[in-house]
N, C-alpha and C. Protein backbone atom coordinates (compact mmCIF):
# COMPACT_ATOMS: atom_id res chain seq x y z
N MET A 1 95.18 132.99 87.54
CA MET A 1 96.41 132.23 87.36
C MET A 1 96.67 132.12 85.86
N THR A 2 97.91 132.21 85.45
CA THR A 2 98.24 132.11 84.04
C THR A 2 98.16 130.66 83.59
N ASP A 3 98.09 130.50 82.28
CA ASP A 3 98.02 129.16 81.72
C ASP A 3 99.24 128.33 82.11
N SER A 4 100.42 128.95 82.05
CA SER A 4 101.63 128.20 82.42
C SER A 4 101.62 127.84 83.90
N GLY A 5 101.06 128.71 84.75
CA GLY A 5 100.93 128.40 86.17
C GLY A 5 99.98 127.24 86.40
N SER A 6 98.89 127.21 85.65
CA SER A 6 97.94 126.11 85.75
C SER A 6 98.59 124.80 85.32
N ARG A 7 99.36 124.88 84.25
CA ARG A 7 100.02 123.69 83.73
C ARG A 7 101.00 123.15 84.77
N THR A 8 101.76 124.02 85.41
CA THR A 8 102.70 123.59 86.43
C THR A 8 101.96 122.94 87.59
N THR A 9 100.88 123.54 88.02
CA THR A 9 100.08 122.96 89.10
C THR A 9 99.55 121.60 88.69
N LEU A 10 99.05 121.48 87.46
CA LEU A 10 98.52 120.20 86.98
C LEU A 10 99.64 119.17 86.88
N GLU A 11 100.81 119.57 86.44
CA GLU A 11 101.94 118.65 86.38
C GLU A 11 102.34 118.19 87.79
N ASP A 12 102.31 119.10 88.75
CA ASP A 12 102.60 118.73 90.14
C ASP A 12 101.57 117.73 90.66
N ALA A 13 100.31 117.98 90.35
CA ALA A 13 99.25 117.07 90.78
C ALA A 13 99.43 115.70 90.13
N ARG A 14 99.75 115.68 88.85
CA ARG A 14 99.96 114.40 88.14
C ARG A 14 101.13 113.64 88.76
N SER A 15 102.20 114.36 89.09
CA SER A 15 103.36 113.73 89.70
C SER A 15 103.01 113.13 91.06
N LEU A 16 102.33 113.89 91.89
CA LEU A 16 101.93 113.40 93.21
C LEU A 16 100.97 112.21 93.08
N ALA A 17 100.01 112.31 92.19
CA ALA A 17 99.04 111.22 92.00
C ALA A 17 99.75 109.95 91.55
N THR A 18 100.74 110.09 90.69
CA THR A 18 101.49 108.93 90.22
C THR A 18 102.29 108.30 91.36
N VAL A 19 102.93 109.12 92.19
CA VAL A 19 103.65 108.60 93.36
C VAL A 19 102.68 107.82 94.26
N ALA A 20 101.51 108.39 94.50
CA ALA A 20 100.51 107.74 95.35
C ALA A 20 100.04 106.42 94.74
N ALA A 21 99.77 106.41 93.45
CA ALA A 21 99.32 105.19 92.78
C ALA A 21 100.39 104.11 92.84
N ARG A 22 101.63 104.48 92.61
CA ARG A 22 102.73 103.51 92.67
C ARG A 22 102.93 102.99 94.09
N ALA A 23 102.78 103.87 95.08
CA ALA A 23 102.90 103.43 96.47
C ALA A 23 101.81 102.42 96.79
N ALA A 24 100.59 102.68 96.33
CA ALA A 24 99.49 101.74 96.56
C ALA A 24 99.79 100.40 95.89
N ALA A 25 100.28 100.46 94.66
CA ALA A 25 100.61 99.23 93.94
C ALA A 25 101.69 98.43 94.67
N SER A 26 102.62 99.12 95.32
CA SER A 26 103.69 98.42 96.03
C SER A 26 103.16 97.63 97.22
N LYS A 27 101.95 97.94 97.67
CA LYS A 27 101.33 97.20 98.78
C LYS A 27 100.14 96.37 98.29
N LYS A 28 100.18 96.06 96.99
CA LYS A 28 99.20 95.16 96.35
C LYS A 28 97.78 95.69 96.39
N ALA A 29 97.63 97.01 96.31
CA ALA A 29 96.30 97.59 96.20
C ALA A 29 95.68 97.14 94.88
N GLU A 30 94.37 97.18 94.82
CA GLU A 30 93.67 96.69 93.64
C GLU A 30 92.93 97.82 92.94
N GLY A 31 92.90 97.75 91.62
CA GLY A 31 92.08 98.64 90.81
C GLY A 31 92.41 100.11 90.93
N THR A 32 93.68 100.45 91.05
CA THR A 32 94.07 101.84 91.25
C THR A 32 93.84 102.66 89.98
N VAL A 33 93.11 103.76 90.14
CA VAL A 33 92.86 104.68 89.03
C VAL A 33 93.16 106.11 89.49
N ILE A 34 93.50 106.95 88.52
CA ILE A 34 93.68 108.37 88.78
C ILE A 34 92.70 109.11 87.88
N LEU A 35 91.84 109.92 88.49
CA LEU A 35 90.85 110.70 87.76
C LEU A 35 91.22 112.17 87.83
N GLU A 36 91.21 112.84 86.68
CA GLU A 36 91.44 114.28 86.64
C GLU A 36 90.09 114.97 86.85
N VAL A 37 89.85 115.44 88.06
CA VAL A 37 88.56 116.02 88.41
C VAL A 37 88.57 117.54 88.46
N GLY A 38 89.72 118.15 88.20
CA GLY A 38 89.84 119.60 88.30
C GLY A 38 88.86 120.38 87.44
N GLY A 39 88.53 119.87 86.26
CA GLY A 39 87.58 120.53 85.39
C GLY A 39 86.14 120.39 85.86
N LEU A 40 85.90 119.43 86.77
CA LEU A 40 84.55 119.15 87.26
C LEU A 40 84.35 119.58 88.70
N LEU A 41 85.44 119.72 89.43
CA LEU A 41 85.40 119.99 90.86
C LEU A 41 86.47 121.03 91.18
N ALA A 42 86.09 122.14 91.69
CA ALA A 42 87.02 123.26 91.86
C ALA A 42 88.01 123.08 93.02
N ILE A 43 87.80 122.14 93.91
CA ILE A 43 88.63 122.07 95.11
C ILE A 43 89.87 121.19 95.00
N THR A 44 90.00 120.41 93.95
CA THR A 44 91.17 119.55 93.78
C THR A 44 91.37 119.24 92.30
N ASP A 45 92.57 118.82 91.95
CA ASP A 45 92.86 118.49 90.55
C ASP A 45 92.64 117.02 90.22
N ALA A 46 92.91 116.14 91.19
CA ALA A 46 92.86 114.72 90.88
C ALA A 46 92.43 113.90 92.09
N PHE A 47 91.79 112.77 91.77
CA PHE A 47 91.50 111.74 92.75
C PHE A 47 92.35 110.52 92.40
N VAL A 48 92.94 109.92 93.41
CA VAL A 48 93.51 108.59 93.27
C VAL A 48 92.56 107.68 94.03
N ILE A 49 92.08 106.65 93.37
CA ILE A 49 91.13 105.73 93.99
C ILE A 49 91.74 104.33 93.92
N THR A 50 91.78 103.67 95.07
CA THR A 50 92.36 102.34 95.15
C THR A 50 91.68 101.57 96.27
N SER A 51 91.97 100.28 96.37
CA SER A 51 91.33 99.52 97.43
C SER A 51 92.18 98.35 97.90
N GLY A 52 91.83 97.90 99.11
CA GLY A 52 92.46 96.74 99.73
C GLY A 52 91.39 95.75 100.15
N THR A 53 91.81 94.54 100.45
CA THR A 53 90.84 93.48 100.74
C THR A 53 90.45 93.40 102.22
N ASN A 54 91.22 94.04 103.10
CA ASN A 54 90.88 94.04 104.52
C ASN A 54 91.38 95.34 105.15
N ALA A 55 90.90 95.63 106.36
CA ALA A 55 91.22 96.89 107.02
C ALA A 55 92.72 97.06 107.25
N ARG A 56 93.39 95.99 107.57
CA ARG A 56 94.83 96.07 107.80
C ARG A 56 95.56 96.49 106.52
N GLN A 57 95.17 95.92 105.38
CA GLN A 57 95.79 96.29 104.11
C GLN A 57 95.47 97.74 103.75
N VAL A 58 94.24 98.17 104.00
CA VAL A 58 93.86 99.56 103.72
C VAL A 58 94.76 100.51 104.50
N ARG A 59 94.96 100.25 105.78
CA ARG A 59 95.85 101.09 106.60
C ARG A 59 97.28 101.07 106.06
N THR A 60 97.75 99.88 105.71
CA THR A 60 99.11 99.73 105.19
C THR A 60 99.29 100.52 103.90
N ILE A 61 98.31 100.46 103.02
CA ILE A 61 98.36 101.21 101.76
C ILE A 61 98.42 102.70 102.05
N ALA A 62 97.54 103.18 102.94
CA ALA A 62 97.51 104.61 103.27
C ALA A 62 98.84 105.06 103.88
N GLU A 63 99.40 104.25 104.77
CA GLU A 63 100.69 104.59 105.39
C GLU A 63 101.80 104.63 104.36
N GLU A 64 101.78 103.70 103.42
CA GLU A 64 102.82 103.66 102.38
C GLU A 64 102.71 104.86 101.45
N ILE A 65 101.49 105.27 101.15
CA ILE A 65 101.30 106.46 100.32
C ILE A 65 101.88 107.68 101.03
N GLU A 66 101.59 107.82 102.31
CA GLU A 66 102.16 108.94 103.08
C GLU A 66 103.69 108.89 103.07
N ALA A 67 104.25 107.73 103.31
CA ALA A 67 105.71 107.59 103.38
C ALA A 67 106.35 107.92 102.03
N GLN A 68 105.80 107.38 100.95
CA GLN A 68 106.43 107.59 99.64
C GLN A 68 106.23 109.01 99.12
N THR A 69 105.11 109.66 99.46
CA THR A 69 104.95 111.05 99.03
C THR A 69 105.93 111.95 99.77
N LYS A 70 106.14 111.68 101.05
CA LYS A 70 107.14 112.45 101.81
C LYS A 70 108.55 112.19 101.26
N GLN A 71 108.83 110.94 100.94
CA GLN A 71 110.14 110.59 100.39
C GLN A 71 110.36 111.29 99.04
N ALA A 72 109.28 111.54 98.31
CA ALA A 72 109.36 112.23 97.02
C ALA A 72 109.46 113.74 97.18
N GLY A 73 109.52 114.21 98.44
CA GLY A 73 109.71 115.63 98.69
C GLY A 73 108.44 116.43 98.88
N ARG A 74 107.30 115.75 98.98
CA ARG A 74 106.04 116.44 99.22
C ARG A 74 105.77 116.50 100.71
N ARG A 75 105.02 117.50 101.12
CA ARG A 75 104.61 117.57 102.52
C ARG A 75 103.59 116.46 102.78
N GLY A 76 103.33 116.22 104.04
CA GLY A 76 102.32 115.23 104.38
C GLY A 76 100.94 115.73 103.99
N PRO A 77 99.95 114.88 104.11
CA PRO A 77 98.59 115.31 103.77
C PRO A 77 98.10 116.43 104.68
N LEU A 78 97.26 117.29 104.14
CA LEU A 78 96.65 118.36 104.93
C LEU A 78 95.69 117.77 105.95
N ARG A 79 95.06 116.66 105.58
CA ARG A 79 94.08 116.02 106.46
C ARG A 79 94.02 114.54 106.12
N VAL A 80 93.83 113.72 107.14
CA VAL A 80 93.63 112.28 106.97
C VAL A 80 92.34 111.92 107.70
N GLU A 81 91.46 111.23 107.02
CA GLU A 81 90.19 110.80 107.62
C GLU A 81 90.03 109.29 107.44
N GLY A 82 89.40 108.63 108.40
CA GLY A 82 88.98 107.26 108.25
C GLY A 82 89.95 106.18 108.66
N LEU A 83 91.07 106.54 109.27
CA LEU A 83 92.04 105.50 109.66
C LEU A 83 91.51 104.60 110.77
N ASP A 84 90.60 105.10 111.59
CA ASP A 84 90.10 104.30 112.72
C ASP A 84 89.45 102.99 112.28
N ASP A 85 88.49 103.07 111.36
CA ASP A 85 87.84 101.83 110.92
C ASP A 85 88.39 101.31 109.60
N ALA A 86 89.13 102.14 108.88
CA ALA A 86 89.83 101.75 107.64
C ALA A 86 88.90 101.15 106.59
N ARG A 87 87.69 101.68 106.51
CA ARG A 87 86.79 101.29 105.40
C ARG A 87 86.99 102.22 104.22
N TRP A 88 87.25 103.50 104.52
CA TRP A 88 87.50 104.50 103.49
C TRP A 88 88.46 105.51 104.10
N VAL A 89 89.72 105.43 103.74
CA VAL A 89 90.72 106.36 104.23
C VAL A 89 90.91 107.43 103.17
N LEU A 90 90.83 108.68 103.59
CA LEU A 90 90.99 109.80 102.69
C LEU A 90 92.26 110.56 103.09
N LEU A 91 93.16 110.73 102.14
CA LEU A 91 94.38 111.50 102.33
C LEU A 91 94.26 112.73 101.45
N ASP A 92 94.12 113.89 102.06
CA ASP A 92 93.89 115.14 101.32
C ASP A 92 95.20 115.92 101.22
N TYR A 93 95.74 115.98 100.00
CA TYR A 93 96.98 116.73 99.75
C TYR A 93 96.69 118.08 99.11
N GLY A 94 95.44 118.48 99.04
CA GLY A 94 95.08 119.74 98.42
C GLY A 94 94.82 119.55 96.94
N ASP A 95 95.89 119.44 96.14
CA ASP A 95 95.72 119.28 94.70
C ASP A 95 95.39 117.85 94.30
N VAL A 96 95.60 116.91 95.22
CA VAL A 96 95.27 115.50 94.99
C VAL A 96 94.60 114.96 96.25
N VAL A 97 93.51 114.23 96.06
CA VAL A 97 92.85 113.55 97.16
C VAL A 97 92.91 112.06 96.88
N VAL A 98 93.49 111.32 97.82
CA VAL A 98 93.64 109.88 97.68
C VAL A 98 92.56 109.19 98.50
N HIS A 99 91.85 108.26 97.85
CA HIS A 99 90.80 107.48 98.50
C HIS A 99 91.27 106.03 98.53
N VAL A 100 91.46 105.49 99.73
CA VAL A 100 91.84 104.09 99.89
C VAL A 100 90.65 103.39 100.53
N PHE A 101 90.02 102.52 99.77
CA PHE A 101 88.80 101.86 100.20
C PHE A 101 89.02 100.41 100.59
N LEU A 102 88.18 99.94 101.48
CA LEU A 102 87.96 98.52 101.65
C LEU A 102 87.10 98.13 100.44
N ASP A 103 87.35 96.96 99.84
CA ASP A 103 86.66 96.58 98.60
C ASP A 103 85.16 96.83 98.63
N GLU A 104 84.49 96.38 99.69
CA GLU A 104 83.02 96.50 99.74
C GLU A 104 82.58 97.97 99.81
N ALA A 105 83.33 98.80 100.51
CA ALA A 105 83.01 100.23 100.59
C ALA A 105 83.21 100.89 99.22
N ARG A 106 84.24 100.47 98.50
CA ARG A 106 84.47 101.04 97.17
C ARG A 106 83.31 100.71 96.24
N ARG A 107 82.84 99.48 96.29
CA ARG A 107 81.69 99.12 95.45
C ARG A 107 80.45 99.91 95.85
N TYR A 108 80.26 100.13 97.13
CA TYR A 108 79.09 100.85 97.61
C TYR A 108 79.10 102.32 97.15
N TYR A 109 80.21 103.01 97.37
CA TYR A 109 80.29 104.43 97.04
C TYR A 109 80.54 104.69 95.55
N ASP A 110 81.18 103.77 94.87
CA ASP A 110 81.38 103.79 93.42
C ASP A 110 81.75 105.16 92.86
N LEU A 111 82.85 105.73 93.37
CA LEU A 111 83.29 107.05 92.93
C LEU A 111 83.60 107.11 91.44
N GLU A 112 84.08 106.01 90.88
CA GLU A 112 84.36 106.02 89.44
C GLU A 112 83.09 106.27 88.63
N ARG A 113 81.96 105.75 89.08
CA ARG A 113 80.70 106.01 88.39
C ARG A 113 80.26 107.45 88.61
N LEU A 114 80.39 107.94 89.84
CA LEU A 114 79.99 109.32 90.14
C LEU A 114 80.80 110.33 89.34
N TRP A 115 82.07 110.01 89.10
CA TRP A 115 82.97 110.91 88.38
C TRP A 115 83.33 110.32 87.01
N SER A 116 82.38 109.66 86.38
CA SER A 116 82.66 108.97 85.10
C SER A 116 83.02 109.93 83.98
N ASP A 117 82.67 111.20 84.10
CA ASP A 117 83.04 112.19 83.08
C ASP A 117 84.49 112.65 83.20
N ALA A 118 85.13 112.31 84.27
CA ALA A 118 86.52 112.76 84.50
C ALA A 118 87.48 111.91 83.67
N PRO A 119 88.42 112.58 83.00
CA PRO A 119 89.45 111.81 82.27
C PRO A 119 90.32 111.01 83.24
N ARG A 120 90.78 109.87 82.78
CA ARG A 120 91.69 109.03 83.57
C ARG A 120 93.12 109.32 83.13
N TRP A 121 94.00 109.45 84.12
CA TRP A 121 95.42 109.62 83.83
C TRP A 121 96.06 108.24 83.87
N SER A 122 96.89 107.96 82.90
CA SER A 122 97.61 106.69 82.93
C SER A 122 98.80 106.82 83.88
N TRP A 123 99.23 105.70 84.40
CA TRP A 123 100.39 105.65 85.27
C TRP A 123 100.98 104.26 85.16
N GLU A 124 102.25 104.18 85.36
CA GLU A 124 102.94 102.90 85.32
C GLU A 124 103.44 102.56 86.71
N PRO A 125 103.17 101.36 87.18
CA PRO A 125 103.69 100.98 88.49
C PRO A 125 105.21 100.90 88.45
N ALA A 126 105.82 101.17 89.57
CA ALA A 126 107.27 101.01 89.67
C ALA A 126 107.59 99.53 89.50
N SER A 127 108.76 99.23 89.00
CA SER A 127 109.16 97.83 88.84
C SER A 127 109.27 97.19 90.21
N LEU A 128 108.61 96.07 90.35
CA LEU A 128 108.65 95.34 91.61
C LEU A 128 109.27 93.98 91.34
N PRO A 129 110.33 93.63 92.02
CA PRO A 129 110.99 92.35 91.79
C PRO A 129 110.02 91.19 91.98
N GLY A 130 110.02 90.27 91.03
CA GLY A 130 109.20 89.07 91.18
C GLY A 130 107.74 89.26 90.88
N ARG A 131 107.35 90.44 90.38
CA ARG A 131 105.93 90.66 90.06
C ARG A 131 105.81 91.14 88.64
N GLY A 132 104.72 90.77 88.03
CA GLY A 132 104.42 91.29 86.71
C GLY A 132 103.88 92.69 86.83
N ARG A 133 103.52 93.27 85.70
CA ARG A 133 102.99 94.63 85.69
C ARG A 133 101.59 94.66 86.32
N ALA A 134 101.35 95.65 87.13
CA ALA A 134 100.02 95.83 87.71
C ALA A 134 99.17 96.59 86.72
N ALA A 135 97.87 96.48 86.84
CA ALA A 135 96.96 97.21 85.96
C ALA A 135 97.11 98.70 86.23
N SER A 136 97.14 99.47 85.16
CA SER A 136 97.33 100.91 85.33
C SER A 136 96.03 101.67 85.32
N GLY A 137 94.91 100.97 85.22
CA GLY A 137 93.64 101.69 85.23
C GLY A 137 93.21 102.18 83.89
N GLU A 138 93.94 101.85 82.83
CA GLU A 138 93.54 102.28 81.50
C GLU A 138 93.22 101.09 80.65
């Protein structure tokens, strides 16, 4: 693949990851971060990692991410895992993998520590009426 092709793919991944992070923030997800793992892991460009405080919120966050990515013109995820118990929902979009954790599962698996060498991408939450700025993970 040419350098410009890689850049376009990376820009697409960044765009999708940002849509996913903003969708999570719109449902009050906590601690949302985007990690650029493409240089460390050949199967995807980025991880979006976020969490909710209960299984219902985890499901709601995952559903909102699916809805907003489709609304942004992206296809649905290639695969969805973990919706049944909603402790760790994985939405696999190919170039971006979204991990929506229940708080305790996120602490247990600690993906940020496992992928601590991965650069973090900054993102800004969409403006939400009546709310201050959410943490962007940076």
